Amino acid sequence: MNGWLLAAGVVAFGVAGIHMTAGHKDVVRPLLTGDLAAEPRGALHAVWHMVTADLVLSAAALLWLSVADGTAGRALVAWFVAAHFLAYAAVFLAVTLSMGWSRPLLRLPQWILLLPVAVLAGAGAA
């Protein structure tokens, strides 16, 4: 068993859970009740659920990889998931830093949840 990938999977499931609960309250509800036109609102709602599926499937993949010793391509998939979470963290950092907010790193703190998954998955892939 690969403890790094196990930890990455557990943390990733935590991220997915936070996304589904806190994110639904803080992001989805205001989005659905806002003044945005129906088509962009529907598209953003669909994207929200696509990200949810992505986070859950990535977490499941990390857990599977943690017990898949000797499986061909395990390291490649682990590196892919690590890069995936690193990209998500980078996007949140880039957006929050471009907004001109005071204390920007705390305004969109999602990167704080995403980066540890990337680091743990990368350690497990190595």
C-alpha atoms as a PDB file:
ATOM      1  CA  MET A   1       0.000   0.000   0.000  1.00  0.00           C
ATOM      2  CA  ASN A   2       1.152   3.507  -0.843  1.00  0.00           C
ATOM      3  CA  GLY A   3       0.510   5.737   2.161  1.00  0.00           C
ATOM      4  CA  TRP A   4       1.070   8.966   0.223  1.00  0.00           C
ATOM      5  CA  LEU A   5      -1.616   8.098  -2.304  1.00  0.00           C
ATOM      6  CA  LEU A   6      -3.927   6.899   0.450  1.00  0.00           C
ATOM      7  CA  ALA A   7      -3.521  10.238   2.227  1.00  0.00           C
ATOM      8  CA  ALA A   8      -4.045  12.090  -1.060  1.00  0.00           C
ATOM      9  CA  GLY A   9      -7.258  10.155  -1.692  1.00  0.00           C
ATOM     10  CA  VAL A  10      -8.607  10.787   1.794  1.00  0.00           C
ATOM     11  CA  VAL A  11      -7.813  14.507   1.560  1.00  0.00           C
ATOM     12  CA  ALA A  12      -9.309  14.626  -1.950  1.00  0.00           C
ATOM     13  CA  PHE A  13     -12.545  13.089  -0.655  1.00  0.00           C
ATOM     14  CA  GLY A  14     -12.532  15.754   2.060  1.00  0.00           C
ATOM     15  CA  VAL A  15     -12.109  18.437  -0.596  1.00  0.00           C
ATOM     16  CA  ALA A  16     -15.022  16.957  -2.557  1.00  0.00           C
ATOM     17  CA  GLY A  17     -17.161  16.942   0.582  1.00  0.00           C
ATOM     18  CA  ILE A  18     -16.356  20.565   1.342  1.00  0.00           C
ATOM     19  CA  HIS A  19     -17.062  21.459  -2.285  1.00  0.00           C
ATOM     20  CA  MET A  20     -20.464  19.757  -2.138  1.00  0.00           C
ATOM     21  CA  THR A  21     -21.577  21.227   1.192  1.00  0.00           C
ATOM     22  CA  ALA A  22     -19.982  24.607   1.833  1.00  0.00           C
ATOM     23  CA  GLY A  23     -19.623  25.391  -1.847  1.00  0.00           C
ATOM     24  CA  HIS A  24     -23.266  24.651  -2.542  1.00  0.00           C
ATOM     25  CA  LYS A  25     -24.294  27.088   0.187  1.00  0.00           C
ATOM     26  CA  ASP A  26     -21.780  29.843  -0.627  1.00  0.00           C
ATOM     27  CA  VAL A  27     -21.607  29.568  -4.425  1.00  0.00           C
ATOM     28  CA  VAL A  28     -24.408  27.550  -6.016  1.00  0.00           C
ATOM     29  CA  ARG A  29     -27.384  28.991  -4.111  1.00  0.00           C
ATOM     30  CA  PRO A  30     -26.400  32.624  -4.830  1.00  0.00           C
ATOM     31  CA  LEU A  31     -25.670  31.686  -8.437  1.00  0.00           C
ATOM     32  CA  LEU A  32     -29.083  30.081  -8.929  1.00  0.00           C
ATOM     33  CA  THR A  33     -30.972  32.935  -7.274  1.00  0.00           C
ATOM     34  CA  GLY A  34     -28.970  35.721  -8.929  1.00  0.00           C
ATOM     35  CA  ASP A  35     -29.839  37.936 -11.866  1.00  0.00           C
ATOM     36  CA  LEU A  36     -27.746  36.005 -14.374  1.00  0.00           C
ATOM     37  CA  ALA A  37     -29.528  35.021 -17.603  1.00  0.00           C
ATOM     38  CA  ALA A  38     -30.895  31.462 -17.708  1.00  0.00           C
ATOM     39  CA  GLU A  39     -28.348  30.017 -20.176  1.00  0.00           C
ATOM     40  CA  PRO A  40     -25.164  31.133 -18.397  1.00  0.00           C
ATOM     41  CA  ARG A  41     -26.728  30.240 -15.046  1.00  0.00           C
ATOM     42  CA  GLY A  42     -27.548  26.747 -16.321  1.00  0.00           C
ATOM     43  CA  ALA A  43     -24.099  26.316 -17.829  1.00  0.00           C
ATOM     44  CA  LEU A  44     -22.369  27.386 -14.602  1.00  0.00           C
ATOM     45  CA  HIS A  45     -24.625  25.075 -12.605  1.00  0.00           C
ATOM     46  CA  ALA A  46     -23.660  22.183 -14.896  1.00  0.00           C
ATOM     47  CA  VAL A  47     -19.961  23.076 -14.570  1.00  0.00           C
ATOM     48  CA  TRP A  48     -20.378  23.042 -10.793  1.00  0.00           C
ATOM     49  CA  HIS A  49     -21.637  19.468 -10.941  1.00  0.00           C
ATOM     50  CA  MET A  50     -18.923  18.497 -13.432  1.00  0.00           C
ATOM     51  CA  VAL A  51     -16.293  19.698 -10.940  1.00  0.00           C
ATOM     52  CA  THR A  52     -18.055  17.717  -8.206  1.00  0.00           C
ATOM     53  CA  ALA A  53     -17.857  14.553 -10.328  1.00  0.00           C
ATOM     54  CA  ASP A  54     -14.225  15.311 -11.174  1.00  0.00           C
ATOM     55  CA  LEU A  55     -13.254  15.730  -7.525  1.00  0.00           C
ATOM     56  CA  VAL A  56     -15.025  12.514  -6.460  1.00  0.00           C
ATOM     57  CA  LEU A  57     -13.606  10.461  -9.343  1.00  0.00           C
ATOM     58  CA  SER A  58     -10.093  11.805  -8.726  1.00  0.00           C
ATOM     59  CA  ALA A  59     -10.353  10.920  -5.031  1.00  0.00           C
ATOM     60  CA  ALA A  60     -11.565   7.423  -5.900  1.00  0.00           C
ATOM     61  CA  ALA A  61      -8.697   7.011  -8.379  1.00  0.00           C
ATOM     62  CA  LEU A  62      -6.169   8.029  -5.722  1.00  0.00           C
ATOM     63  CA  LEU A  63      -7.593   5.508  -3.250  1.00  0.00           C
ATOM     64  CA  TRP A  64      -7.514   2.781  -5.886  1.00  0.00           C
ATOM     65  CA  LEU A  65      -3.949   3.707  -6.829  1.00  0.00           C
ATOM     66  CA  SER A  66      -2.928   3.484  -3.173  1.00  0.00           C
ATOM     67  CA  VAL A  67      -3.636  -0.268  -3.176  1.00  0.00           C
ATOM     68  CA  ALA A  68      -2.761  -1.005  -6.815  1.00  0.00           C
ATOM     69  CA  ASP A  69       0.868  -1.951  -6.227  1.00  0.00           C
ATOM     70  CA  GLY A  70       2.564  -3.182  -9.375  1.00  0.00           C
ATOM     71  CA  THR A  71      -0.222  -2.008 -11.677  1.00  0.00           C
ATOM     72  CA  ALA A  72       1.107  -0.743 -14.991  1.00  0.00           C
ATOM     73  CA  GLY A  73       0.701   2.997 -15.368  1.00  0.00           C
ATOM     74  CA  ARG A  74       0.074   3.642 -11.675  1.00  0.00           C
ATOM     75  CA  ALA A  75       2.749   6.328 -11.395  1.00  0.00           C
ATOM     76  CA  LEU A  76       1.588   8.005 -14.606  1.00  0.00           C
ATOM     77  CA  VAL A  77      -2.015   8.233 -13.385  1.00  0.00           C
ATOM     78  CA  ALA A  78      -0.856   9.478  -9.973  1.00  0.00           C
ATOM     79  CA  TRP A  79       1.257  12.189 -11.648  1.00  0.00           C
ATOM     80  CA  PHE A  80      -1.717  13.136 -13.807  1.00  0.00           C
ATOM     81  CA  VAL A  81      -3.985  13.548 -10.771  1.00  0.00           C
ATOM     82  CA  ALA A  82      -1.257  15.505  -8.973  1.00  0.00           C
ATOM     83  CA  ALA A  83      -0.898  17.833 -11.975  1.00  0.00           C
ATOM     84  CA  HIS A  84      -4.660  18.141 -12.160  1.00  0.00           C
ATOM     85  CA  PHE A  85      -4.946  19.339  -8.546  1.00  0.00           C
ATOM     86  CA  LEU A  86      -1.900  21.573  -8.975  1.00  0.00           C
ATOM     87  CA  ALA A  87      -3.583  23.187 -11.994  1.00  0.00           C
ATOM     88  CA  TYR A  88      -6.789  23.733 -10.013  1.00  0.00           C
ATOM     89  CA  ALA A  89      -4.791  25.355  -7.190  1.00  0.00           C
ATOM     90  CA  ALA A  90      -2.897  27.539  -9.671  1.00  0.00           C
ATOM     91  CA  VAL A  91      -6.140  28.719 -11.271  1.00  0.00           C
ATOM     92  CA  PHE A  92      -7.558  29.754  -7.912  1.00  0.00           C
ATOM     93  CA  LEU A  93      -4.324  31.543  -7.000  1.00  0.00           C
ATOM     94  CA  ALA A  94      -4.178  33.338 -10.352  1.00  0.00           C
ATOM     95  CA  VAL A  95      -7.801  34.455 -10.155  1.00  0.00           C
ATOM     96  CA  THR A  96      -7.627  35.616  -6.550  1.00  0.00           C
ATOM     97  CA  LEU A  97      -4.354  37.484  -7.097  1.00  0.00           C
ATOM     98  CA  SER A  98      -5.748  39.217 -10.190  1.00  0.00           C
ATOM     99  CA  MET A  99      -8.789  40.616  -8.355  1.00  0.00           C
ATOM    100  CA  GLY A 100      -6.945  43.379  -6.499  1.00  0.00           C
ATOM    101  CA  TRP A 101      -8.402  42.383  -3.126  1.00  0.00           C
ATOM    102  CA  SER A 102      -6.742  43.066   0.193  1.00  0.00           C
ATOM    103  CA  ARG A 103      -5.575  39.794   1.779  1.00  0.00           C
ATOM    104  CA  PRO A 104      -6.305  37.996  -1.504  1.00  0.00           C
ATOM    105  CA  LEU A 105      -5.050  34.555  -0.470  1.00  0.00           C
ATOM    106  CA  LEU A 106      -7.909  34.241   1.993  1.00  0.00           C
ATOM    107  CA  ARG A 107     -10.684  35.507  -0.295  1.00  0.00           C
ATOM    108  CA  LEU A 108     -10.714  32.373  -2.472  1.00  0.00           C
ATOM    109  CA  PRO A 109      -8.989  29.841  -0.200  1.00  0.00           C
ATOM    110  CA  GLN A 110      -9.780  26.796  -2.333  1.00  0.00           C
ATOM    111  CA  TRP A 111      -6.123  26.560  -3.337  1.00  0.00           C
ATOM    112  CA  ILE A 112      -5.315  25.746   0.305  1.00  0.00           C
ATOM    113  CA  LEU A 113      -7.415  22.575  -0.014  1.00  0.00           C
ATOM    114  CA  LEU A 114      -6.275  21.625  -3.519  1.00  0.00           C
ATOM    115  CA  LEU A 115      -2.506  22.044  -3.140  1.00  0.00           C
ATOM    116  CA  PRO A 116      -2.026  19.357  -0.439  1.00  0.00           C
ATOM    117  CA  VAL A 117      -3.694  16.771  -2.675  1.00  0.00           C
ATOM    118  CA  ALA A 118      -1.252  17.654  -5.453  1.00  0.00           C
ATOM    119  CA  VAL A 119       1.742  17.405  -3.116  1.00  0.00           C
ATOM    120  CA  LEU A 120       0.621  14.108  -1.560  1.00  0.00           C
ATOM    121  CA  ALA A 121      -0.208  12.557  -4.943  1.00  0.00           C
ATOM    122  CA  GLY A 122       3.118  13.705  -6.348  1.00  0.00           C
ATOM    123  CA  ALA A 123       4.956  12.192  -3.393  1.00  0.00           C
ATOM    124  CA  GLY A 124       3.074   8.951  -3.903  1.00  0.00           C
ATOM    125  CA  ALA A 125       3.839   8.904  -7.607  1.00  0.00           C
ATOM    126  CA  ALA A 126       7.567   9.388  -7.111  1.00  0.00           C
END
